[in-house]
Amino acid sequence: MYTLNPTDPSPPRNVTITRVFQDGVELNWLPPTEPNGEVHYVVEYKREDSGNWTSVSTTSDSTHYNLTGLHSGTSYTIRVVAVNSAGRLLNNIPPTHTRTTGGEENPCQR
């Protein structure tokens, strides 16, 4: 008898902000190189002056998400996490930084 131990997925790749809105951003990314099963994604964000992350589950395998409900003119740190049946891996998730504006595009990635 064999027991399979699922492992966490590797992080999504090339998370980019393709557009910045007054109250949100458009995100795109590539799937993890090692999904280790079916994955869905969680988008997490926080104000840069806050330590509290807010999570939004996309409940799909789509690699695109419009994150809305942000405050205009506020700086945010955003990350995308891949989740599979084993859970999620928080190590090595490079965050993306942006500031919402009055509709101007202003992507900033680090």
PDB file of N, CA and C in Angstrom:
ATOM      1  N   MET A   1       0.843  -1.178   0.000  1.00  0.00           N
ATOM      2  CA  MET A   1       0.000   0.000   0.000  1.00  0.00           C
ATOM      3  C   MET A   1       0.886   1.239   0.000  1.00  0.00           C
ATOM      4  N   TYR A   2       0.511   2.194  -0.823  1.00  0.00           N
ATOM      5  CA  TYR A   2       1.257   3.446  -0.917  1.00  0.00           C
ATOM      6  C   TYR A   2       0.377   4.596  -0.452  1.00  0.00           C
ATOM      7  N   THR A   3       0.989   5.539   0.220  1.00  0.00           N
ATOM      8  CA  THR A   3       0.294   6.745   0.634  1.00  0.00           C
ATOM      9  C   THR A   3       0.931   7.920  -0.074  1.00  0.00           C
ATOM     10  N   LEU A   4       0.117   8.675  -0.760  1.00  0.00           N
ATOM     11  CA  LEU A   4       0.622   9.863  -1.450  1.00  0.00           C
ATOM     12  C   LEU A   4       0.510  11.056  -0.524  1.00  0.00           C
ATOM     13  N   ASN A   5       1.578  11.780  -0.400  1.00  0.00           N
ATOM     14  CA  ASN A   5       1.586  12.986   0.408  1.00  0.00           C
ATOM     15  C   ASN A   5       1.658  14.178  -0.534  1.00  0.00           C
ATOM     16  N   PRO A   6       0.551  14.872  -0.716  1.00  0.00           N
ATOM     17  CA  PRO A   6       0.607  16.027  -1.601  1.00  0.00           C
ATOM     18  C   PRO A   6       1.521  17.106  -1.037  1.00  0.00           C
ATOM     19  N   THR A   7       2.118  17.857  -1.913  1.00  0.00           N
ATOM     20  CA  THR A   7       2.991  18.953  -1.479  1.00  0.00           C
ATOM     21  C   THR A   7       2.432  20.275  -1.969  1.00  0.00           C
ATOM     22  N   ASP A   8       2.823  21.327  -1.277  1.00  0.00           N
ATOM     23  CA  ASP A   8       2.365  22.667  -1.624  1.00  0.00           C
ATOM     24  C   ASP A   8       2.820  23.035  -3.035  1.00  0.00           C
ATOM     25  N   PRO A   9       2.067  23.882  -3.711  1.00  0.00           N
ATOM     26  CA  PRO A   9       2.496  24.346  -5.029  1.00  0.00           C
ATOM     27  C   PRO A   9       3.609  25.378  -4.910  1.00  0.00           C
ATOM     28  N   SER A  10       4.382  25.510  -5.973  1.00  0.00           N
ATOM     29  CA  SER A  10       5.343  26.612  -6.023  1.00  0.00           C
ATOM     30  C   SER A  10       4.547  27.904  -6.255  1.00  0.00           C
ATOM     31  N   PRO A  11       5.154  29.067  -6.034  1.00  0.00           N
ATOM     32  CA  PRO A  11       4.404  30.318  -6.178  1.00  0.00           C
ATOM     33  C   PRO A  11       4.081  30.635  -7.635  1.00  0.00           C
ATOM     34  N   PRO A  12       3.018  31.402  -7.861  1.00  0.00           N
ATOM     35  CA  PRO A  12       2.738  31.894  -9.207  1.00  0.00           C
ATOM     36  C   PRO A  12       3.924  32.734  -9.690  1.00  0.00           C
ATOM     37  N   ARG A  13       4.093  32.790 -11.005  1.00  0.00           N
ATOM     38  CA  ARG A  13       5.233  33.496 -11.582  1.00  0.00           C
ATOM     39  C   ARG A  13       4.791  34.773 -12.280  1.00  0.00           C
ATOM     40  N   ASN A  14       5.704  35.721 -12.343  1.00  0.00           N
ATOM     41  CA  ASN A  14       5.530  36.962 -13.106  1.00  0.00           C
ATOM     42  C   ASN A  14       4.230  37.685 -12.777  1.00  0.00           C
ATOM     43  N   VAL A  15       3.968  37.868 -11.503  1.00  0.00           N
ATOM     44  CA  VAL A  15       2.781  38.630 -11.110  1.00  0.00           C
ATOM     45  C   VAL A  15       2.991  40.073 -11.544  1.00  0.00           C
ATOM     46  N   THR A  16       2.075  40.573 -12.346  1.00  0.00           N
ATOM     47  CA  THR A  16       2.193  41.951 -12.836  1.00  0.00           C
ATOM     48  C   THR A  16       0.873  42.687 -12.672  1.00  0.00           C
ATOM     49  N   ILE A  17       1.000  43.965 -12.484  1.00  0.00           N
ATOM     50  CA  ILE A  17      -0.158  44.851 -12.483  1.00  0.00           C
ATOM     51  C   ILE A  17      -0.226  45.445 -13.882  1.00  0.00           C
ATOM     52  N   THR A  18      -1.286  45.123 -14.596  1.00  0.00           N
ATOM     53  CA  THR A  18      -1.389  45.585 -15.980  1.00  0.00           C
ATOM     54  C   THR A  18      -2.151  46.894 -16.100  1.00  0.00           C
ATOM     55  N   ARG A  19      -3.000  47.192 -15.122  1.00  0.00           N
ATOM     56  CA  ARG A  19      -3.698  48.482 -15.106  1.00  0.00           C
ATOM     57  C   ARG A  19      -3.977  48.891 -13.674  1.00  0.00           C
ATOM     58  N   VAL A  20      -3.962  50.187 -13.441  1.00  0.00           N
ATOM     59  CA  VAL A  20      -4.284  50.736 -12.120  1.00  0.00           C
ATOM     60  C   VAL A  20      -5.503  51.623 -12.285  1.00  0.00           C
ATOM     61  N   PHE A  21      -6.498  51.399 -11.463  1.00  0.00           N
ATOM     62  CA  PHE A  21      -7.724  52.188 -11.472  1.00  0.00           C
ATOM     63  C   PHE A  21      -7.770  53.064 -10.232  1.00  0.00           C
ATOM     64  N   GLN A  22      -8.759  53.907 -10.163  1.00  0.00           N
ATOM     65  CA  GLN A  22      -8.922  54.751  -8.986  1.00  0.00           C
ATOM     66  C   GLN A  22      -9.177  53.903  -7.741  1.00  0.00           C
ATOM     67  N   ASP A  23      -9.911  52.802  -7.898  1.00  0.00           N
ATOM     68  CA  ASP A  23     -10.260  51.985  -6.734  1.00  0.00           C
ATOM     69  C   ASP A  23      -9.789  50.535  -6.845  1.00  0.00           C
ATOM     70  N   GLY A  24      -8.775  50.263  -7.698  1.00  0.00           N
ATOM     71  CA  GLY A  24      -8.315  48.889  -7.812  1.00  0.00           C
ATOM     72  C   GLY A  24      -7.237  48.717  -8.863  1.00  0.00           C
ATOM     73  N   VAL A  25      -6.899  47.451  -9.099  1.00  0.00           N
ATOM     74  CA  VAL A  25      -5.858  47.100 -10.060  1.00  0.00           C
ATOM     75  C   VAL A  25      -6.271  45.846 -10.830  1.00  0.00           C
ATOM     76  N   GLU A  26      -5.703  45.700 -12.012  1.00  0.00           N
ATOM     77  CA  GLU A  26      -5.857  44.486 -12.799  1.00  0.00           C
ATOM     78  C   GLU A  26      -4.561  43.696 -12.680  1.00  0.00           C
ATOM     79  N   LEU A  27      -4.661  42.442 -12.265  1.00  0.00           N
ATOM     80  CA  LEU A  27      -3.491  41.584 -12.047  1.00  0.00           C
ATOM     81  C   LEU A  27      -3.465  40.449 -13.063  1.00  0.00           C
ATOM     82  N   ASN A  28      -2.271  40.081 -13.494  1.00  0.00           N
ATOM     83  CA  ASN A  28      -2.053  38.910 -14.337  1.00  0.00           C
ATOM     84  C   ASN A  28      -0.826  38.180 -13.820  1.00  0.00           C
ATOM     85  N   TRP A  29      -0.795  36.847 -14.002  1.00  0.00           N
ATOM     86  CA  TRP A  29       0.353  36.051 -13.573  1.00  0.00           C
ATOM     87  C   TRP A  29       0.388  34.759 -14.375  1.00  0.00           C
ATOM     88  N   LEU A  30       1.488  34.065 -14.245  1.00  0.00           N
ATOM     89  CA  LEU A  30       1.654  32.747 -14.861  1.00  0.00           C
ATOM     90  C   LEU A  30       1.490  31.680 -13.788  1.00  0.00           C
ATOM     91  N   PRO A  31       1.011  30.491 -14.162  1.00  0.00           N
ATOM     92  CA  PRO A  31       0.842  29.424 -13.169  1.00  0.00           C
ATOM     93  C   PRO A  31       2.178  29.013 -12.562  1.00  0.00           C
ATOM     94  N   PRO A  32       2.138  28.358 -11.402  1.00  0.00           N
ATOM     95  CA  PRO A  32       3.380  27.875 -10.789  1.00  0.00           C
ATOM     96  C   PRO A  32       4.038  26.805 -11.665  1.00  0.00           C
ATOM     97  N   THR A  33       5.357  26.725 -11.600  1.00  0.00           N
ATOM     98  CA  THR A  33       6.065  25.690 -12.358  1.00  0.00           C
ATOM     99  C   THR A  33       5.792  24.310 -11.776  1.00  0.00           C
ATOM    100  N   GLU A  34       5.494  24.249 -10.493  1.00  0.00           N
ATOM    101  CA  GLU A  34       5.179  22.978  -9.834  1.00  0.00           C
ATOM    102  C   GLU A  34       3.846  23.115  -9.096  1.00  0.00           C
ATOM    103  N   PRO A  35       2.728  22.944  -9.817  1.00  0.00           N
ATOM    104  CA  PRO A  35       1.430  23.092  -9.156  1.00  0.00           C
ATOM    105  C   PRO A  35       1.120  21.958  -8.181  1.00  0.00           C
ATOM    106  N   ASN A  36       1.697  20.765  -8.451  1.00  0.00           N
ATOM    107  CA  ASN A  36       1.474  19.595  -7.588  1.00  0.00           C
ATOM    108  C   ASN A  36      -0.014  19.307  -7.388  1.00  0.00           C
ATOM    109  N   GLY A  37      -0.756  19.343  -8.488  1.00  0.00           N
ATOM    110  CA  GLY A  37      -2.197  19.087  -8.464  1.00  0.00           C
ATOM    111  C   GLY A  37      -2.953  20.282  -9.000  1.00  0.00           C
ATOM    112  N   GLU A  38      -4.265  20.233  -8.855  1.00  0.00           N
ATOM    113  CA  GLU A  38      -5.099  21.354  -9.299  1.00  0.00           C
ATOM    114  C   GLU A  38      -4.914  22.524  -8.341  1.00  0.00           C
ATOM    115  N   VAL A  39      -4.823  23.724  -8.901  1.00  0.00           N
ATOM    116  CA  VAL A  39      -4.635  24.908  -8.064  1.00  0.00           C
ATOM    117  C   VAL A  39      -5.740  25.923  -8.304  1.00  0.00           C
ATOM    118  N   HIS A  40      -5.980  26.718  -7.289  1.00  0.00           N
ATOM    119  CA  HIS A  40      -6.714  27.964  -7.433  1.00  0.00           C
ATOM    120  C   HIS A  40      -5.866  29.028  -6.749  1.00  0.00           C
ATOM    121  N   TYR A  41      -6.279  30.266  -6.849  1.00  0.00           N
ATOM    122  CA  TYR A  41      -5.424  31.351  -6.393  1.00  0.00           C
ATOM    123  C   TYR A  41      -6.124  32.213  -5.349  1.00  0.00           C
ATOM    124  N   VAL A  42      -5.303  32.756  -4.471  1.00  0.00           N
ATOM    125  CA  VAL A  42      -5.767  33.722  -3.479  1.00  0.00           C
ATOM    126  C   VAL A  42      -4.965  34.994  -3.697  1.00  0.00           C
ATOM    127  N   VAL A  43      -5.663  36.106  -3.830  1.00  0.00           N
ATOM    128  CA  VAL A  43      -5.019  37.414  -3.936  1.00  0.00           C
ATOM    129  C   VAL A  43      -5.053  38.030  -2.546  1.00  0.00           C
ATOM    130  N   GLU A  44      -3.892  38.457  -2.066  1.00  0.00           N
ATOM    131  CA  GLU A  44      -3.797  39.085  -0.757  1.00  0.00           C
ATOM    132  C   GLU A  44      -3.249  40.491  -0.918  1.00  0.00           C
ATOM    133  N   TYR A  45      -3.773  41.398  -0.123  1.00  0.00           N
ATOM    134  CA  TYR A  45      -3.303  42.779  -0.205  1.00  0.00           C
ATOM    135  C   TYR A  45      -3.347  43.426   1.169  1.00  0.00           C
ATOM    136  N   LYS A  46      -2.505  44.445   1.320  1.00  0.00           N
ATOM    137  CA  LYS A  46      -2.524  45.247   2.543  1.00  0.00           C
ATOM    138  C   LYS A  46      -2.047  46.647   2.203  1.00  0.00           C
ATOM    139  N   ARG A  47      -2.526  47.580   2.970  1.00  0.00           N
ATOM    140  CA  ARG A  47      -1.999  48.936   2.846  1.00  0.00           C
ATOM    141  C   ARG A  47      -0.565  48.901   3.307  1.00  0.00           C
ATOM    142  N   GLU A  48       0.288  49.669   2.663  1.00  0.00           N
ATOM    143  CA  GLU A  48       1.707  49.629   3.027  1.00  0.00           C
ATOM    144  C   GLU A  48       1.963  50.144   4.434  1.00  0.00           C
ATOM    145  N   ASP A  49       1.015  50.879   5.006  1.00  0.00           N
ATOM    146  CA  ASP A  49       1.174  51.366   6.381  1.00  0.00           C
ATOM    147  C   ASP A  49       0.470  50.457   7.392  1.00  0.00           C
ATOM    148  N   SER A  50       0.077  49.247   6.960  1.00  0.00           N
ATOM    149  CA  SER A  50      -0.637  48.319   7.826  1.00  0.00           C
ATOM    150  C   SER A  50       0.023  46.951   7.781  1.00  0.00           C
ATOM    151  N   GLY A  51      -0.105  46.194   8.845  1.00  0.00           N
ATOM    152  CA  GLY A  51       0.452  44.854   8.869  1.00  0.00           C
ATOM    153  C   GLY A  51      -0.574  43.775   8.594  1.00  0.00           C
ATOM    154  N   ASN A  52      -1.821  44.151   8.352  1.00  0.00           N
ATOM    155  CA  ASN A  52      -2.903  43.186   8.202  1.00  0.00           C
ATOM    156  C   ASN A  52      -3.179  42.877   6.740  1.00  0.00           C
ATOM    157  N   TRP A  53      -3.075  41.590   6.368  1.00  0.00           N
ATOM    158  CA  TRP A  53      -3.384  41.141   5.011  1.00  0.00           C
ATOM    159  C   TRP A  53      -4.874  40.858   4.888  1.00  0.00           C
ATOM    160  N   THR A  54      -5.452  41.224   3.753  1.00  0.00           N
ATOM    161  CA  THR A  54      -6.818  40.862   3.397  1.00  0.00           C
ATOM    162  C   THR A  54      -6.729  39.869   2.256  1.00  0.00           C
ATOM    163  N   SER A  55      -7.470  38.763   2.349  1.00  0.00           N
ATOM    164  CA  SER A  55      -7.422  37.711   1.334  1.00  0.00           C
ATOM    165  C   SER A  55      -8.706  37.674   0.529  1.00  0.00           C
ATOM    166  N   VAL A  56      -8.551  37.460  -0.779  1.00  0.00           N
ATOM    167  CA  VAL A  56      -9.679  37.282  -1.685  1.00  0.00           C
ATOM    168  C   VAL A  56      -9.421  36.002  -2.461  1.00  0.00           C
ATOM    169  N   SER A  57     -10.270  34.991  -2.278  1.00  0.00           N
ATOM    170  CA  SER A  57     -10.098  33.730  -3.000  1.00  0.00           C
ATOM    171  C   SER A  57     -10.736  33.859  -4.373  1.00  0.00           C
ATOM    172  N   THR A  58      -9.963  33.524  -5.408  1.00  0.00           N
ATOM    173  CA  THR A  58     -10.502  33.617  -6.768  1.00  0.00           C
ATOM    174  C   THR A  58     -11.350  32.404  -7.114  1.00  0.00           C
ATOM    175  N   THR A  59     -11.238  31.336  -6.353  1.00  0.00           N
ATOM    176  CA  THR A  59     -11.975  30.087  -6.540  1.00  0.00           C
ATOM    177  C   THR A  59     -11.935  29.563  -7.979  1.00  0.00           C
ATOM    178  N   SER A  60     -10.869  29.850  -8.680  1.00  0.00           N
ATOM    179  CA  SER A  60     -10.731  29.326 -10.037  1.00  0.00           C
ATOM    180  C   SER A  60      -9.257  29.209 -10.376  1.00  0.00           C
ATOM    181  N   ASP A  61      -8.986  28.622 -11.528  1.00  0.00           N
ATOM    182  CA  ASP A  61      -7.604  28.500 -11.973  1.00  0.00           C
ATOM    183  C   ASP A  61      -7.225  29.627 -12.932  1.00  0.00           C
ATOM    184  N   SER A  62      -8.056  30.651 -13.021  1.00  0.00           N
ATOM    185  CA  SER A  62      -7.767  31.794 -13.881  1.00  0.00           C
ATOM    186  C   SER A  62      -6.523  32.525 -13.395  1.00  0.00           C
ATOM    187  N   THR A  63      -5.715  33.005 -14.320  1.00  0.00           N
ATOM    188  CA  THR A  63      -4.495  33.736 -13.971  1.00  0.00           C
ATOM    189  C   THR A  63      -4.663  35.230 -14.226  1.00  0.00           C
ATOM    190  N   HIS A  64      -5.861  35.712 -13.987  1.00  0.00           N
ATOM    191  CA  HIS A  64      -6.213  37.118 -14.163  1.00  0.00           C
ATOM    192  C   HIS A  64      -7.220  37.464 -13.071  1.00  0.00           C
ATOM    193  N   TYR A  65      -7.077  38.661 -12.482  1.00  0.00           N
ATOM    194  CA  TYR A  65      -8.035  39.082 -11.463  1.00  0.00           C
ATOM    195  C   TYR A  65      -8.080  40.591 -11.393  1.00  0.00           C
ATOM    196  N   ASN A  66      -9.287  41.143 -11.294  1.00  0.00           N
ATOM    197  CA  ASN A  66      -9.470  42.573 -11.050  1.00  0.00           C
ATOM    198  C   ASN A  66      -9.748  42.751  -9.566  1.00  0.00           C
ATOM    199  N   LEU A  67      -8.798  43.333  -8.863  1.00  0.00           N
ATOM    200  CA  LEU A  67      -8.928  43.594  -7.428  1.00  0.00           C
ATOM    201  C   LEU A  67      -9.523  44.978  -7.263  1.00  0.00           C
ATOM    202  N   THR A  68     -10.720  45.057  -6.716  1.00  0.00           N
ATOM    203  CA  THR A  68     -11.408  46.337  -6.558  1.00  0.00           C
ATOM    204  C   THR A  68     -11.694  46.594  -5.086  1.00  0.00           C
ATOM    205  N   GLY A  69     -12.226  47.770  -4.797  1.00  0.00           N
ATOM    206  CA  GLY A  69     -12.551  48.132  -3.427  1.00  0.00           C
ATOM    207  C   GLY A  69     -11.393  48.756  -2.677  1.00  0.00           C
ATOM    208  N   LEU A  70     -10.332  49.135  -3.404  1.00  0.00           N
ATOM    209  CA  LEU A  70      -9.186  49.794  -2.775  1.00  0.00           C
ATOM    210  C   LEU A  70      -9.458  51.288  -2.669  1.00  0.00           C
ATOM    211  N   HIS A  71      -8.701  51.975  -1.831  1.00  0.00           N
ATOM    212  CA  HIS A  71      -8.881  53.408  -1.629  1.00  0.00           C
ATOM    213  C   HIS A  71      -7.966  54.193  -2.577  1.00  0.00           C
ATOM    214  N   SER A  72      -8.507  55.193  -3.200  1.00  0.00           N
ATOM    215  CA  SER A  72      -7.773  56.032  -4.139  1.00  0.00           C
ATOM    216  C   SER A  72      -6.579  56.706  -3.470  1.00  0.00           C
ATOM    217  N   GLY A  73      -5.441  56.722  -4.180  1.00  0.00           N
ATOM    218  CA  GLY A  73      -4.250  57.394  -3.693  1.00  0.00           C
ATOM    219  C   GLY A  73      -3.525  56.675  -2.578  1.00  0.00           C
ATOM    220  N   THR A  74      -3.849  55.420  -2.325  1.00  0.00           N
ATOM    221  CA  THR A  74      -3.261  54.657  -1.229  1.00  0.00           C
ATOM    222  C   THR A  74      -2.276  53.630  -1.782  1.00  0.00           C
ATOM    223  N   SER A  75      -1.150  53.446  -1.111  1.00  0.00           N
ATOM    224  CA  SER A  75      -0.153  52.451  -1.523  1.00  0.00           C
ATOM    225  C   SER A  75      -0.490  51.096  -0.926  1.00  0.00           C
ATOM    226  N   TYR A  76      -0.387  50.060  -1.763  1.00  0.00           N
ATOM    227  CA  TYR A  76      -0.699  48.698  -1.348  1.00  0.00           C
ATOM    228  C   TYR A  76       0.436  47.751  -1.704  1.00  0.00           C
ATOM    229  N   THR A  77       0.570  46.705  -0.916  1.00  0.00           N
ATOM    230  CA  THR A  77       1.398  45.560  -1.245  1.00  0.00           C
ATOM    231  C   THR A  77       0.441  44.433  -1.595  1.00  0.00           C
ATOM    232  N   ILE A  78       0.667  43.795  -2.742  1.00  0.00           N
ATOM    233  CA  ILE A  78      -0.241  42.765  -3.247  1.00  0.00           C
ATOM    234  C   ILE A  78       0.573  41.515  -3.552  1.00  0.00           C
ATOM    235  N   ARG A  79       0.010  40.342  -3.223  1.00  0.00           N
ATOM    236  CA  ARG A  79       0.656  39.091  -3.599  1.00  0.00           C
ATOM    237  C   ARG A  79      -0.422  38.101  -4.045  1.00  0.00           C
ATOM    238  N   VAL A  80       0.004  37.167  -4.889  1.00  0.00           N
ATOM    239  CA  VAL A  80      -0.880  36.109  -5.368  1.00  0.00           C
ATOM    240  C   VAL A  80      -0.307  34.789  -4.884  1.00  0.00           C
ATOM    241  N   VAL A  81      -1.152  33.959  -4.292  1.00  0.00           N
ATOM    242  CA  VAL A  81      -0.736  32.694  -3.703  1.00  0.00           C
ATOM    243  C   VAL A  81      -1.455  31.558  -4.422  1.00  0.00           C
ATOM    244  N   ALA A  82      -0.718  30.523  -4.810  1.00  0.00           N
ATOM    245  CA  ALA A  82      -1.324  29.317  -5.371  1.00  0.00           C
ATOM    246  C   ALA A  82      -1.701  28.381  -4.230  1.00  0.00           C
ATOM    247  N   VAL A  83      -2.865  27.750  -4.340  1.00  0.00           N
ATOM    248  CA  VAL A  83      -3.362  26.843  -3.311  1.00  0.00           C
ATOM    249  C   VAL A  83      -3.768  25.532  -3.983  1.00  0.00           C
ATOM    250  N   ASN A  84      -3.358  24.409  -3.391  1.00  0.00           N
ATOM    251  CA  ASN A  84      -3.812  23.103  -3.864  1.00  0.00           C
ATOM    252  C   ASN A  84      -4.337  22.302  -2.672  1.00  0.00           C
ATOM    253  N   SER A  85      -4.565  21.020  -2.858  1.00  0.00           N
ATOM    254  CA  SER A  85      -5.142  20.212  -1.784  1.00  0.00           C
ATOM    255  C   SER A  85      -4.225  20.111  -0.556  1.00  0.00           C
ATOM    256  N   ALA A  86      -2.927  20.324  -0.736  1.00  0.00           N
ATOM    257  CA  ALA A  86      -1.984  20.279   0.390  1.00  0.00           C
ATOM    258  C   ALA A  86      -1.949  21.595   1.146  1.00  0.00           C
ATOM    259  N   GLY A  87      -2.396  22.655   0.520  1.00  0.00           N
ATOM    260  CA  GLY A  87      -2.363  23.955   1.167  1.00  0.00           C
ATOM    261  C   GLY A  87      -1.696  24.997   0.291  1.00  0.00           C
ATOM    262  N   ARG A  88      -0.953  25.863   0.927  1.00  0.00           N
ATOM    263  CA  ARG A  88      -0.310  26.968   0.224  1.00  0.00           C
ATOM    264  C   ARG A  88       1.074  27.201   0.788  1.00  0.00           C
ATOM    265  N   LEU A  89       1.921  27.726  -0.044  1.00  0.00           N
ATOM    266  CA  LEU A  89       3.297  27.990   0.357  1.00  0.00           C
ATOM    267  C   LEU A  89       3.509  29.498   0.396  1.00  0.00           C
ATOM    268  N   LEU A  90       3.854  30.029   1.555  1.00  0.00           N
ATOM    269  CA  LEU A  90       4.055  31.473   1.677  1.00  0.00           C
ATOM    270  C   LEU A  90       5.502  31.892   1.450  1.00  0.00           C
ATOM    271  N   ASN A  91       6.429  30.960   1.467  1.00  0.00           N
ATOM    272  CA  ASN A  91       7.830  31.326   1.251  1.00  0.00           C
ATOM    273  C   ASN A  91       8.056  31.774  -0.189  1.00  0.00           C
ATOM    274  N   ASN A  92       8.928  32.710  -0.370  1.00  0.00           N
ATOM    275  CA  ASN A  92       9.370  33.151  -1.696  1.00  0.00           C
ATOM    276  C   ASN A  92       8.265  33.718  -2.568  1.00  0.00           C
ATOM    277  N   ILE A  93       7.268  34.323  -1.971  1.00  0.00           N
ATOM    278  CA  ILE A  93       6.236  34.992  -2.761  1.00  0.00           C
ATOM    279  C   ILE A  93       6.632  36.457  -2.883  1.00  0.00           C
ATOM    280  N   PRO A  94       7.092  36.862  -4.061  1.00  0.00           N
ATOM    281  CA  PRO A  94       7.479  38.258  -4.207  1.00  0.00           C
ATOM    282  C   PRO A  94       6.248  39.158  -4.273  1.00  0.00           C
ATOM    283  N   PRO A  95       6.133  40.132  -3.370  1.00  0.00           N
ATOM    284  CA  PRO A  95       4.976  41.034  -3.428  1.00  0.00           C
ATOM    285  C   PRO A  95       5.124  42.050  -4.546  1.00  0.00           C
ATOM    286  N   THR A  96       4.000  42.581  -4.962  1.00  0.00           N
ATOM    287  CA  THR A  96       3.939  43.635  -5.952  1.00  0.00           C
ATOM    288  C   THR A  96       3.427  44.884  -5.245  1.00  0.00           C
ATOM    289  N   HIS A  97       4.052  46.010  -5.491  1.00  0.00           N
ATOM    290  CA  HIS A  97       3.674  47.256  -4.821  1.00  0.00           C
ATOM    291  C   HIS A  97       3.030  48.193  -5.830  1.00  0.00           C
ATOM    292  N   THR A  98       1.988  48.882  -5.401  1.00  0.00           N
ATOM    293  CA  THR A  98       1.349  49.849  -6.284  1.00  0.00           C
ATOM    294  C   THR A  98       0.639  50.918  -5.466  1.00  0.00           C
ATOM    295  N   ARG A  99       0.336  52.008  -6.114  1.00  0.00           N
ATOM    296  CA  ARG A  99      -0.474  53.074  -5.523  1.00  0.00           C
ATOM    297  C   ARG A  99      -1.656  53.294  -6.437  1.00  0.00           C
ATOM    298  N   THR A 100      -2.874  53.238  -5.880  1.00  0.00           N
ATOM    299  CA  THR A 100      -4.050  53.542  -6.683  1.00  0.00           C
ATOM    300  C   THR A 100      -4.050  55.034  -6.969  1.00  0.00           C
ATOM    301  N   THR A 101      -4.566  55.395  -8.125  1.00  0.00           N
ATOM    302  CA  THR A 101      -4.561  56.795  -8.531  1.00  0.00           C
ATOM    303  C   THR A 101      -5.934  57.184  -9.032  1.00  0.00           C
ATOM    304  N   GLY A 102      -6.056  58.386  -9.500  1.00  0.00           N
ATOM    305  CA  GLY A 102      -7.309  58.872 -10.056  1.00  0.00           C
ATOM    306  C   GLY A 102      -7.530  58.373 -11.467  1.00  0.00           C
ATOM    307  N   GLY A 103      -7.276  57.089 -11.731  1.00  0.00           N
ATOM    308  CA  GLY A 103      -7.510  56.507 -13.035  1.00  0.00           C
ATOM    309  C   GLY A 103      -6.274  56.433 -13.901  1.00  0.00           C
ATOM    310  N   GLU A 104      -5.168  57.056 -13.479  1.00  0.00           N
ATOM    311  CA  GLU A 104      -3.936  56.988 -14.246  1.00  0.00           C
ATOM    312  C   GLU A 104      -3.287  55.640 -14.057  1.00  0.00           C
ATOM    313  N   GLU A 105      -2.618  55.155 -15.083  1.00  0.00           N
ATOM    314  CA  GLU A 105      -1.879  53.914 -14.951  1.00  0.00           C
ATOM    315  C   GLU A 105      -0.537  54.216 -14.293  1.00  0.00           C
ATOM    316  N   ASN A 106      -0.211  53.462 -13.252  1.00  0.00           N
ATOM    317  CA  ASN A 106       1.016  53.697 -12.513  1.00  0.00           C
ATOM    318  C   ASN A 106       1.540  52.392 -11.931  1.00  0.00           C
ATOM    319  N   PRO A 107       1.823  51.381 -12.778  1.00  0.00           N
ATOM    320  CA  PRO A 107       2.297  50.129 -12.194  1.00  0.00           C
ATOM    321  C   PRO A 107       3.708  50.260 -11.659  1.00  0.00           C
ATOM    322  N   CYS A 108       3.942  49.646 -10.529  1.00  0.00           N
ATOM    323  CA  CYS A 108       5.261  49.651  -9.895  1.00  0.00           C
ATOM    324  C   CYS A 108       5.464  48.272  -9.327  1.00  0.00           C
ATOM    325  N   GLN A 109       6.501  47.582  -9.777  1.00  0.00           N
ATOM    326  CA  GLN A 109       6.717  46.216  -9.317  1.00  0.00           C
ATOM    327  C   GLN A 109       8.108  46.090  -8.744  1.00  0.00           C
ATOM    328  N   ARG A 110       8.235  45.330  -7.653  1.00  0.00           N
ATOM    329  CA  ARG A 110       9.561  45.024  -7.136  1.00  0.00           C
ATOM    330  C   ARG A 110       9.674  43.593  -6.785  1.00  0.00           C
TER     331      ARG A 110
END
